[in-house]
Amino acid sequence: MTSDMIEIWTGILGLAYLAAAGLYFGMLLARKHVPASHARPYPVRIRRPR
């Protein structure tokens, strides 16, 4: 392999690594944010005027 091919493959693998790391940390951050619908274990009771 020539040095040009090594540089090209290094760039491709580096970009793939950065993309995978971005997806991984993005998924970790998405798990930490709990949707509002799951924040309360019971539904909110609404008082209706008579």
PDB file of N, CA and C in Angstrom:
ATOM      1  N   MET A   1       0.845  -1.187   0.000  1.00  0.00           N
ATOM      2  CA  MET A   1       0.000   0.000   0.000  1.00  0.00           C
ATOM      3  C   MET A   1       0.884   1.242   0.000  1.00  0.00           C
ATOM      4  N   THR A   2       0.458   2.194  -0.743  1.00  0.00           N
ATOM      5  CA  THR A   2       1.207   3.444  -0.768  1.00  0.00           C
ATOM      6  C   THR A   2       0.796   4.317   0.402  1.00  0.00           C
ATOM      7  N   SER A   3       1.580   5.330   0.648  1.00  0.00           N
ATOM      8  CA  SER A   3       1.273   6.222   1.765  1.00  0.00           C
ATOM      9  C   SER A   3      -0.031   6.979   1.529  1.00  0.00           C
ATOM     10  N   ASP A   4      -0.388   7.215   0.265  1.00  0.00           N
ATOM     11  CA  ASP A   4      -1.667   7.881  -0.030  1.00  0.00           C
ATOM     12  C   ASP A   4      -2.849   7.015   0.393  1.00  0.00           C
ATOM     13  N   MET A   5      -2.768   5.735   0.104  1.00  0.00           N
ATOM     14  CA  MET A   5      -3.861   4.834   0.489  1.00  0.00           C
ATOM     15  C   MET A   5      -3.972   4.730   2.009  1.00  0.00           C
ATOM     16  N   ILE A   6      -2.835   4.721   2.667  1.00  0.00           N
ATOM     17  CA  ILE A   6      -2.856   4.652   4.140  1.00  0.00           C
ATOM     18  C   ILE A   6      -3.516   5.904   4.710  1.00  0.00           C
ATOM     19  N   GLU A   7      -3.223   7.058   4.155  1.00  0.00           N
ATOM     20  CA  GLU A   7      -3.838   8.303   4.625  1.00  0.00           C
ATOM     21  C   GLU A   7      -5.340   8.313   4.368  1.00  0.00           C
ATOM     22  N   ILE A   8      -5.750   7.810   3.222  1.00  0.00           N
ATOM     23  CA  ILE A   8      -7.180   7.769   2.896  1.00  0.00           C
ATOM     24  C   ILE A   8      -7.919   6.848   3.862  1.00  0.00           C
ATOM     25  N   TRP A   9      -7.382   5.639   4.100  1.00  0.00           N
ATOM     26  CA  TRP A   9      -8.040   4.710   5.008  1.00  0.00           C
ATOM     27  C   TRP A   9      -8.028   5.221   6.450  1.00  0.00           C
ATOM     28  N   THR A  10      -6.962   5.897   6.826  1.00  0.00           N
ATOM     29  CA  THR A  10      -6.919   6.491   8.169  1.00  0.00           C
ATOM     30  C   THR A  10      -8.009   7.539   8.323  1.00  0.00           C
ATOM     31  N   GLY A  11      -8.194   8.360   7.301  1.00  0.00           N
ATOM     32  CA  GLY A  11      -9.253   9.371   7.353  1.00  0.00           C
ATOM     33  C   GLY A  11     -10.635   8.749   7.411  1.00  0.00           C
ATOM     34  N   ILE A  12     -10.863   7.708   6.609  1.00  0.00           N
ATOM     35  CA  ILE A  12     -12.173   7.038   6.600  1.00  0.00           C
ATOM     36  C   ILE A  12     -12.456   6.393   7.954  1.00  0.00           C
ATOM     37  N   LEU A  13     -11.474   5.679   8.484  1.00  0.00           N
ATOM     38  CA  LEU A  13     -11.683   5.025   9.784  1.00  0.00           C
ATOM     39  C   LEU A  13     -11.818   6.045  10.912  1.00  0.00           C
ATOM     40  N   GLY A  14     -11.107   7.154  10.813  1.00  0.00           N
ATOM     41  CA  GLY A  14     -11.235   8.202  11.823  1.00  0.00           C
ATOM     42  C   GLY A  14     -12.624   8.822  11.824  1.00  0.00           C
ATOM     43  N   LEU A  15     -13.151   9.092  10.622  1.00  0.00           N
ATOM     44  CA  LEU A  15     -14.511   9.642  10.538  1.00  0.00           C
ATOM     45  C   LEU A  15     -15.549   8.642  11.034  1.00  0.00           C
ATOM     46  N   ALA A  16     -15.358   7.367  10.727  1.00  0.00           N
ATOM     47  CA  ALA A  16     -16.289   6.342  11.209  1.00  0.00           C
ATOM     48  C   ALA A  16     -16.246   6.255  12.732  1.00  0.00           C
ATOM     49  N   TYR A  17     -15.056   6.377  13.300  1.00  0.00           N
ATOM     50  CA  TYR A  17     -14.920   6.347  14.756  1.00  0.00           C
ATOM     51  C   TYR A  17     -15.627   7.538  15.393  1.00  0.00           C
ATOM     52  N   LEU A  18     -15.452   8.718  14.829  1.00  0.00           N
ATOM     53  CA  LEU A  18     -16.117   9.906  15.373  1.00  0.00           C
ATOM     54  C   LEU A  18     -17.636   9.799  15.255  1.00  0.00           C
ATOM     55  N   ALA A  19     -18.115   9.253  14.143  1.00  0.00           N
ATOM     56  CA  ALA A  19     -19.558   9.097  13.971  1.00  0.00           C
ATOM     57  C   ALA A  19     -20.118   8.102  14.988  1.00  0.00           C
ATOM     58  N   ALA A  20     -19.417   7.004  15.212  1.00  0.00           N
ATOM     59  CA  ALA A  20     -19.880   6.006  16.180  1.00  0.00           C
ATOM     60  C   ALA A  20     -19.868   6.575  17.598  1.00  0.00           C
ATOM     61  N   ALA A  21     -18.831   7.328  17.931  1.00  0.00           N
ATOM     62  CA  ALA A  21     -18.764   7.933  19.265  1.00  0.00           C
ATOM     63  C   ALA A  21     -19.883   8.955  19.450  1.00  0.00           C
ATOM     64  N   GLY A  22     -20.186   9.728  18.409  1.00  0.00           N
ATOM     65  CA  GLY A  22     -21.285  10.688  18.493  1.00  0.00           C
ATOM     66  C   GLY A  22     -22.624  10.010  18.695  1.00  0.00           C
ATOM     67  N   LEU A  23     -22.856   8.916  17.983  1.00  0.00           N
ATOM     68  CA  LEU A  23     -24.114   8.176  18.166  1.00  0.00           C
ATOM     69  C   LEU A  23     -24.204   7.576  19.565  1.00  0.00           C
ATOM     70  N   TYR A  24     -23.102   7.047  20.042  1.00  0.00           N
ATOM     71  CA  TYR A  24     -23.097   6.429  21.368  1.00  0.00           C
ATOM     72  C   TYR A  24     -23.418   7.444  22.453  1.00  0.00           C
ATOM     73  N   PHE A  25     -22.726   8.595  22.441  1.00  0.00           N
ATOM     74  CA  PHE A  25     -22.970   9.589  23.473  1.00  0.00           C
ATOM     75  C   PHE A  25     -24.334  10.248  23.295  1.00  0.00           C
ATOM     76  N   GLY A  26     -24.804  10.346  22.072  1.00  0.00           N
ATOM     77  CA  GLY A  26     -26.148  10.865  21.846  1.00  0.00           C
ATOM     78  C   GLY A  26     -27.204   9.965  22.454  1.00  0.00           C
ATOM     79  N   MET A  27     -27.001   8.661  22.327  1.00  0.00           N
ATOM     80  CA  MET A  27     -27.953   7.722  22.918  1.00  0.00           C
ATOM     81  C   MET A  27     -27.884   7.756  24.442  1.00  0.00           C
ATOM     82  N   LEU A  28     -26.690   7.947  24.992  1.00  0.00           N
ATOM     83  CA  LEU A  28     -26.573   8.045  26.454  1.00  0.00           C
ATOM     84  C   LEU A  28     -27.315   9.268  26.979  1.00  0.00           C
ATOM     85  N   LEU A  29     -27.168  10.395  26.296  1.00  0.00           N
ATOM     86  CA  LEU A  29     -27.851  11.609  26.733  1.00  0.00           C
ATOM     87  C   LEU A  29     -29.361  11.475  26.578  1.00  0.00           C
ATOM     88  N   ALA A  30     -29.805  10.773  25.546  1.00  0.00           N
ATOM     89  CA  ALA A  30     -31.240  10.593  25.333  1.00  0.00           C
ATOM     90  C   ALA A  30     -31.846   9.737  26.448  1.00  0.00           C
ATOM     91  N   ARG A  31     -31.083   8.807  26.987  1.00  0.00           N
ATOM     92  CA  ARG A  31     -31.609   7.956  28.066  1.00  0.00           C
ATOM     93  C   ARG A  31     -31.752   8.728  29.365  1.00  0.00           C
ATOM     94  N   LYS A  32     -30.911   9.731  29.582  1.00  0.00           N
ATOM     95  CA  LYS A  32     -30.964  10.484  30.833  1.00  0.00           C
ATOM     96  C   LYS A  32     -32.185  11.393  30.900  1.00  0.00           C
ATOM     97  N   HIS A  33     -32.677  11.845  29.784  1.00  0.00           N
ATOM     98  CA  HIS A  33     -33.842  12.729  29.767  1.00  0.00           C
ATOM     99  C   HIS A  33     -35.107  11.882  29.824  1.00  0.00           C
ATOM    100  N   VAL A  34     -35.826  12.002  30.919  1.00  0.00           N
ATOM    101  CA  VAL A  34     -37.057  11.237  31.098  1.00  0.00           C
ATOM    102  C   VAL A  34     -38.212  12.070  30.573  1.00  0.00           C
ATOM    103  N   PRO A  35     -39.031  11.511  29.693  1.00  0.00           N
ATOM    104  CA  PRO A  35     -40.184  12.274  29.204  1.00  0.00           C
ATOM    105  C   PRO A  35     -41.138  12.642  30.338  1.00  0.00           C
ATOM    106  N   ALA A  36     -41.883  13.705  30.162  1.00  0.00           N
ATOM    107  CA  ALA A  36     -42.794  14.182  31.201  1.00  0.00           C
ATOM    108  C   ALA A  36     -43.878  13.156  31.517  1.00  0.00           C
ATOM    109  N   SER A  37     -44.275  12.363  30.546  1.00  0.00           N
ATOM    110  CA  SER A  37     -45.328  11.383  30.782  1.00  0.00           C
ATOM    111  C   SER A  37     -44.865  10.274  31.718  1.00  0.00           C
ATOM    112  N   HIS A  38     -43.565  10.046  31.829  1.00  0.00           N
ATOM    113  CA  HIS A  38     -43.050   9.010  32.715  1.00  0.00           C
ATOM    114  C   HIS A  38     -42.546   9.569  34.038  1.00  0.00           C
ATOM    115  N   ALA A  39     -42.635  10.856  34.221  1.00  0.00           N
ATOM    116  CA  ALA A  39     -42.102  11.465  35.436  1.00  0.00           C
ATOM    117  C   ALA A  39     -42.989  11.177  36.642  1.00  0.00           C
ATOM    118  N   ARG A  40     -44.296  11.070  36.436  1.00  0.00           N
ATOM    119  CA  ARG A  40     -45.222  10.828  37.548  1.00  0.00           C
ATOM    120  C   ARG A  40     -45.767   9.405  37.451  1.00  0.00           C
ATOM    121  N   PRO A  41     -45.775   8.687  38.573  1.00  0.00           N
ATOM    122  CA  PRO A  41     -46.266   7.316  38.511  1.00  0.00           C
ATOM    123  C   PRO A  41     -47.788   7.226  38.393  1.00  0.00           C
ATOM    124  N   TYR A  42     -48.490   8.259  38.835  1.00  0.00           N
ATOM    125  CA  TYR A  42     -49.952   8.224  38.797  1.00  0.00           C
ATOM    126  C   TYR A  42     -50.476   9.386  37.956  1.00  0.00           C
ATOM    127  N   PRO A  43     -51.618   9.203  37.296  1.00  0.00           N
ATOM    128  CA  PRO A  43     -52.186  10.318  36.520  1.00  0.00           C
ATOM    129  C   PRO A  43     -52.657  11.448  37.420  1.00  0.00           C
ATOM    130  N   VAL A  44     -52.642  12.627  36.913  1.00  0.00           N
ATOM    131  CA  VAL A  44     -53.066  13.795  37.676  1.00  0.00           C
ATOM    132  C   VAL A  44     -54.587  13.811  37.744  1.00  0.00           C
ATOM    133  N   ARG A  45     -55.127  14.018  38.950  1.00  0.00           N
ATOM    134  CA  ARG A  45     -56.576  14.094  39.095  1.00  0.00           C
ATOM    135  C   ARG A  45     -57.029  15.537  38.892  1.00  0.00           C
ATOM    136  N   ILE A  46     -58.025  15.701  38.077  1.00  0.00           N
ATOM    137  CA  ILE A  46     -58.557  17.026  37.783  1.00  0.00           C
ATOM    138  C   ILE A  46     -59.885  17.195  38.493  1.00  0.00           C
ATOM    139  N   ARG A  47     -59.983  18.242  39.299  1.00  0.00           N
ATOM    140  CA  ARG A  47     -61.260  18.507  39.980  1.00  0.00           C
ATOM    141  C   ARG A  47     -62.192  19.219  39.025  1.00  0.00           C
ATOM    142  N   ARG A  48     -63.346  18.660  38.892  1.00  0.00           N
ATOM    143  CA  ARG A  48     -64.348  19.266  38.019  1.00  0.00           C
ATOM    144  C   ARG A  48     -65.345  20.042  38.853  1.00  0.00           C
ATOM    145  N   PRO A  49     -65.618  21.276  38.504  1.00  0.00           N
ATOM    146  CA  PRO A  49     -66.612  22.055  39.268  1.00  0.00           C
ATOM    147  C   PRO A  49     -68.016  21.464  39.090  1.00  0.00           C
ATOM    148  N   ARG A  50     -68.794  21.539  40.159  1.00  0.00           N
ATOM    149  CA  ARG A  50     -70.155  20.969  40.086  1.00  0.00           C
ATOM    150  C   ARG A  50     -71.147  21.998  39.610  1.00  0.00           C
TER     151      ARG A  50
END
